Amino acid sequence: MVELTVNLDPIVGLRGLGRSQRPDPVAAVFAAEHAGASGVSISLREDKKQVGERDLRLLKDVVRGHFNVEIEPTQEMLKLMLELRPSSVTLVDVSGDAVKELDIAFDQEKIVNFVVLLREAQIEPRILIAPDLDQLRGAHRAGAVGVEVSTWSYVGAANAQSRSQERQKIIDALKVGQRLHLQLFATGGLDYQNVAPLASIDSLVGVKVGHSIIAKALTHGLERSVAEMVQLLRTS
């Protein structure tokens, strides 16, 4: 079965809108893991406006499964990750409020250095990339343990034919990643309607889903929403 990681970013976004301590991402961890999620993920920005060090330390204490943190590859973020020691760290590009794929070729030496230090600290290094064969090979050369393949092009396809073509690009990328012995994950806009065709891909280890689960939870409840997503993955 493909594993589910619940992205907590929509929860901290709602908390920021309300300018309060609610909703609490720590409380969401218990519901998500109880419903069958393999772990949770959260994004840390350098300004720490949405997520602070206190949040990260509390999450590290309560997460029983896999704890993933998404960061930009900066020295400040690296230092904090080496102190915190989450299960895995995903290196991403951040443009404004958006998390984007990292172009490994743009700064490969820096990425390699980050990956080495993360591995020495026994933190699983991952890289968020486009479903591009050169990026897969670049991630492997950089020493990444896993890659998170962006699914935004698949999700945003204009019609069924285009979506099928985008799915095939992802399959081709995952085949290369599998030959390179990378752990393979998919993330970006996945929801209850589009996740099953990806979950049926044998080489895929897990998916990261956030917004659609939290949106459904507003009317259905978080535990029920996570359980429904887990069931979809289990039967795909």
Protein backbone atom coordinates (compact mmCIF):
# COMPACT_ATOMS: atom_id res chain seq x y z
CA MET A 1 0.00 0.00 0.00
CA VAL A 2 1.15 3.52 -0.79
CA GLU A 3 1.86 5.45 2.41
CA LEU A 4 0.10 8.71 3.25
CA THR A 5 1.89 11.71 4.71
CA VAL A 6 -0.46 14.48 5.82
CA ASN A 7 0.83 17.97 5.08
CA LEU A 8 0.01 20.25 8.02
CA ASP A 9 0.63 23.53 6.15
CA PRO A 10 -3.08 24.26 5.57
CA ILE A 11 -3.67 24.00 9.32
CA VAL A 12 -0.96 26.48 10.22
CA GLY A 13 -2.26 28.72 7.42
CA LEU A 14 -5.71 28.75 9.04
CA ARG A 15 -4.11 29.45 12.39
CA GLY A 16 -2.31 32.43 10.90
CA LEU A 17 -5.52 33.81 9.41
CA GLY A 18 -7.19 33.65 12.82
CA ARG A 19 -4.16 35.14 14.58
CA SER A 20 -4.57 32.59 17.35
CA GLN A 21 -3.22 29.24 18.55
CA ARG A 22 -6.03 27.36 16.81
CA PRO A 23 -6.26 25.12 14.92
CA ASP A 24 -3.37 23.36 16.59
CA PRO A 25 -1.16 21.27 14.25
CA VAL A 26 -0.04 19.16 17.21
CA ALA A 27 -3.64 18.06 17.88
CA ALA A 28 -4.01 17.22 14.18
CA VAL A 29 -1.11 14.76 14.42
CA PHE A 30 -3.04 12.48 16.80
CA ALA A 31 -6.09 12.37 14.54
CA ALA A 32 -4.05 11.81 11.38
CA GLU A 33 -1.94 8.99 12.80
CA HIS A 34 -4.92 7.34 14.49
CA ALA A 35 -6.69 7.28 11.13
CA GLY A 36 -3.80 5.52 9.43
CA ALA A 37 -1.41 8.19 8.13
CA SER A 38 2.22 7.08 8.09
CA GLY A 39 3.41 10.51 9.13
CA VAL A 40 3.10 14.26 8.79
CA SER A 41 4.96 17.03 7.00
CA ILE A 42 5.32 20.76 7.58
CA SER A 43 7.10 23.60 5.78
CA LEU A 44 9.52 25.88 7.57
CA ARG A 45 10.29 29.31 6.13
CA GLU A 46 13.20 31.51 7.11
CA ASP A 47 10.87 34.23 8.42
CA LYS A 48 9.15 31.63 10.69
CA LYS A 49 5.88 33.56 10.45
CA GLN A 50 3.63 30.53 10.02
CA VAL A 51 5.70 27.83 11.71
CA GLY A 52 8.17 28.54 14.50
CA GLU A 53 10.81 26.50 16.28
CA ARG A 54 8.39 25.83 19.15
CA ASP A 55 5.95 24.20 16.70
CA LEU A 56 8.69 21.99 15.32
CA ARG A 57 9.89 20.84 18.72
CA LEU A 58 6.36 20.04 19.88
CA LEU A 59 5.69 18.10 16.67
CA LYS A 60 8.95 16.19 17.02
CA ASP A 61 7.86 15.12 20.51
CA VAL A 62 4.39 13.89 19.53
CA VAL A 63 4.78 12.39 16.04
CA ARG A 64 5.04 8.62 16.37
CA GLY A 65 5.41 7.95 12.66
CA HIS A 66 7.51 9.73 10.06
CA PHE A 67 8.16 13.43 10.63
CA ASN A 68 9.12 15.36 7.47
CA VAL A 69 10.13 19.02 7.28
CA GLU A 70 10.36 21.00 4.03
CA ILE A 71 13.06 23.68 3.96
CA GLU A 72 15.01 25.89 1.61
CA PRO A 73 18.69 24.88 1.47
CA THR A 74 20.06 27.73 3.58
CA GLN A 75 22.62 27.54 6.38
CA GLU A 76 20.14 28.74 9.00
CA MET A 77 17.60 26.06 8.05
CA LEU A 78 20.28 23.37 7.93
CA LYS A 79 21.55 24.26 11.40
CA LEU A 80 18.04 24.00 12.84
CA MET A 81 17.40 20.64 11.16
CA LEU A 82 20.65 19.21 12.53
CA GLU A 83 19.48 20.23 16.01
CA LEU A 84 15.89 19.03 15.57
CA ARG A 85 16.65 15.77 13.73
CA PRO A 86 13.32 15.02 12.07
CA SER A 87 12.89 11.72 10.22
CA SER A 88 13.47 13.38 6.86
CA VAL A 89 14.12 16.79 5.33
CA THR A 90 12.89 17.77 1.88
CA LEU A 91 14.89 20.46 0.11
CA VAL A 92 12.59 22.80 -1.83
CA ASP A 93 12.59 26.14 -3.59
CA VAL A 94 10.37 28.86 -2.11
CA SER A 95 9.00 31.68 -4.23
CA GLY A 96 6.80 34.05 -2.24
CA ASP A 97 4.29 31.84 -0.44
CA ALA A 98 4.67 28.95 -2.88
CA VAL A 99 6.81 25.83 -2.43
CA LYS A 100 8.35 24.88 -5.77
CA GLU A 101 10.55 22.20 -7.26
CA LEU A 102 14.28 22.57 -6.74
CA ASP A 103 16.45 22.80 -9.85
CA ILE A 104 19.36 20.60 -8.82
CA ALA A 105 21.61 21.71 -11.67
CA PHE A 106 21.34 25.35 -10.54
CA ASP A 107 23.33 24.82 -7.34
CA GLN A 108 24.37 21.18 -7.21
CA GLU A 109 27.50 21.63 -5.10
CA LYS A 110 25.51 23.34 -2.35
CA ILE A 111 22.81 20.66 -2.45
CA VAL A 112 25.42 17.89 -2.26
CA ASN A 113 26.93 19.50 0.85
CA PHE A 114 23.51 19.72 2.51
CA VAL A 115 22.70 16.11 1.67
CA VAL A 116 26.03 14.90 3.11
CA LEU A 117 25.45 16.72 6.40
CA LEU A 118 21.87 15.45 6.69
CA ARG A 119 22.94 11.87 6.05
CA GLU A 120 25.72 12.16 8.63
CA ALA A 121 23.07 13.23 11.15
CA GLN A 122 20.95 10.20 10.16
CA ILE A 123 18.26 12.42 8.66
CA GLU A 124 16.81 11.13 5.41
CA PRO A 125 17.47 13.76 2.70
CA ARG A 126 14.84 14.22 0.00
CA ILE A 127 14.54 16.70 -2.85
CA LEU A 128 11.35 18.07 -4.40
CA ILE A 129 11.77 17.86 -8.18
CA ALA A 130 9.81 18.03 -11.42
CA PRO A 131 9.09 14.65 -13.10
CA ASP A 132 12.18 15.11 -15.23
CA LEU A 133 14.74 12.39 -15.90
CA ASP A 134 17.72 14.74 -15.59
CA GLN A 135 16.44 15.94 -12.22
CA LEU A 136 16.10 12.32 -11.05
CA ARG A 137 19.66 11.58 -12.06
CA GLY A 138 20.82 14.81 -10.45
CA ALA A 139 19.14 13.86 -7.17
CA HIS A 140 20.87 10.51 -7.26
CA ARG A 141 24.27 12.10 -7.93
CA ALA A 142 23.64 14.50 -5.05
CA GLY A 143 23.21 11.53 -2.72
CA ALA A 144 19.52 12.00 -1.89
CA VAL A 145 17.79 9.03 -0.29
CA GLY A 146 14.44 9.98 -1.78
CA VAL A 147 12.72 12.36 -4.15
CA GLU A 148 9.29 13.94 -4.04
CA VAL A 149 8.04 14.20 -7.60
CA SER A 150 5.79 17.20 -8.22
CA THR A 151 2.33 16.30 -9.50
CA TRP A 152 1.10 19.82 -10.25
CA SER A 153 1.24 19.34 -14.03
CA TYR A 154 -0.77 16.11 -13.67
CA VAL A 155 -3.30 17.76 -11.38
CA GLY A 156 -3.67 20.84 -13.58
CA ALA A 157 -4.06 18.97 -16.88
CA ALA A 158 -6.83 20.47 -19.03
CA ASN A 159 -8.43 17.18 -20.08
CA ALA A 160 -8.27 13.41 -19.66
CA GLN A 161 -5.78 12.93 -22.50
CA SER A 162 -3.40 15.54 -21.10
CA ARG A 163 -3.71 14.05 -17.62
CA SER A 164 -2.88 10.60 -18.98
CA GLN A 165 0.22 12.03 -20.67
CA GLU A 166 1.30 13.75 -17.45
CA ARG A 167 0.75 10.53 -15.51
CA GLN A 168 2.99 8.72 -17.99
CA LYS A 169 5.73 11.30 -17.44
CA ILE A 170 5.51 10.58 -13.73
CA ILE A 171 5.64 6.81 -14.37
CA ASP A 172 8.71 7.23 -16.60
CA ALA A 173 10.42 9.34 -13.95
CA LEU A 174 9.60 6.84 -11.21
CA LYS A 175 11.01 3.98 -13.30
CA VAL A 176 14.32 5.81 -13.54
CA GLY A 177 14.20 6.59 -9.83
CA GLN A 178 13.55 2.96 -9.01
CA ARG A 179 16.57 1.86 -11.05
CA LEU A 180 18.62 4.41 -9.12
CA HIS A 181 17.32 2.95 -5.82
CA LEU A 182 15.65 6.20 -4.74
CA GLN A 183 12.63 6.24 -2.45
CA LEU A 184 9.85 7.75 -4.53
CA PHE A 185 7.06 10.02 -3.37
CA ALA A 186 4.46 12.19 -5.12
CA THR A 187 3.14 15.54 -3.97
CA GLY A 188 1.29 18.60 -5.21
CA GLY A 189 -2.46 19.21 -5.40
CA LEU A 190 -3.46 15.58 -4.88
CA ASP A 191 -7.04 15.00 -3.77
CA TYR A 192 -9.78 12.37 -3.48
CA GLN A 193 -10.46 12.46 -7.23
CA ASN A 194 -6.95 12.29 -8.69
CA VAL A 195 -4.82 10.30 -6.23
CA ALA A 196 -5.91 6.74 -7.12
CA PRO A 197 -4.32 6.61 -10.63
CA LEU A 198 -0.98 7.49 -9.04
CA ALA A 199 -1.39 5.22 -6.02
CA SER A 200 -1.61 2.25 -8.39
CA ILE A 201 1.99 2.82 -9.59
CA ASP A 202 4.06 0.01 -8.08
CA SER A 203 7.28 1.97 -7.58
CA LEU A 204 5.62 4.76 -5.59
CA VAL A 205 6.37 4.59 -1.86
CA GLY A 206 4.06 7.37 -0.67
CA VAL A 207 2.05 10.49 -1.36
CA LYS A 208 1.90 13.77 0.51
CA VAL A 209 -1.59 15.29 0.74
CA GLY A 210 -2.68 18.35 2.68
CA HIS A 211 -5.21 20.83 1.36
CA SER A 212 -7.84 18.38 0.15
CA ILE A 213 -7.84 16.47 3.46
CA ILE A 214 -8.08 19.62 5.57
CA ALA A 215 -10.78 21.06 3.30
CA LYS A 216 -12.82 17.87 3.66
CA ALA A 217 -12.21 17.85 7.38
CA LEU A 218 -14.00 21.18 7.75
CA THR A 219 -17.25 19.35 7.08
CA HIS A 220 -16.40 15.68 7.67
CA GLY A 221 -13.91 15.73 10.55
CA LEU A 222 -10.15 15.17 10.26
CA GLU A 223 -9.98 11.56 11.38
CA ARG A 224 -12.73 10.49 8.97
CA SER A 225 -11.10 12.47 6.13
CA VAL A 226 -7.69 10.87 6.67
CA ALA A 227 -9.26 7.42 6.97
CA GLU A 228 -11.05 7.91 3.64
CA MET A 229 -7.79 8.87 1.92
CA VAL A 230 -5.99 5.88 3.47
CA GLN A 231 -8.76 3.57 2.23
CA LEU A 232 -8.41 4.98 -1.30
CA LEU A 233 -4.70 4.23 -1.26
CA ARG A 234 -5.24 0.80 0.25
CA THR A 235 -7.63 -0.25 -2.52
CA SER A 236 -5.80 1.33 -5.48
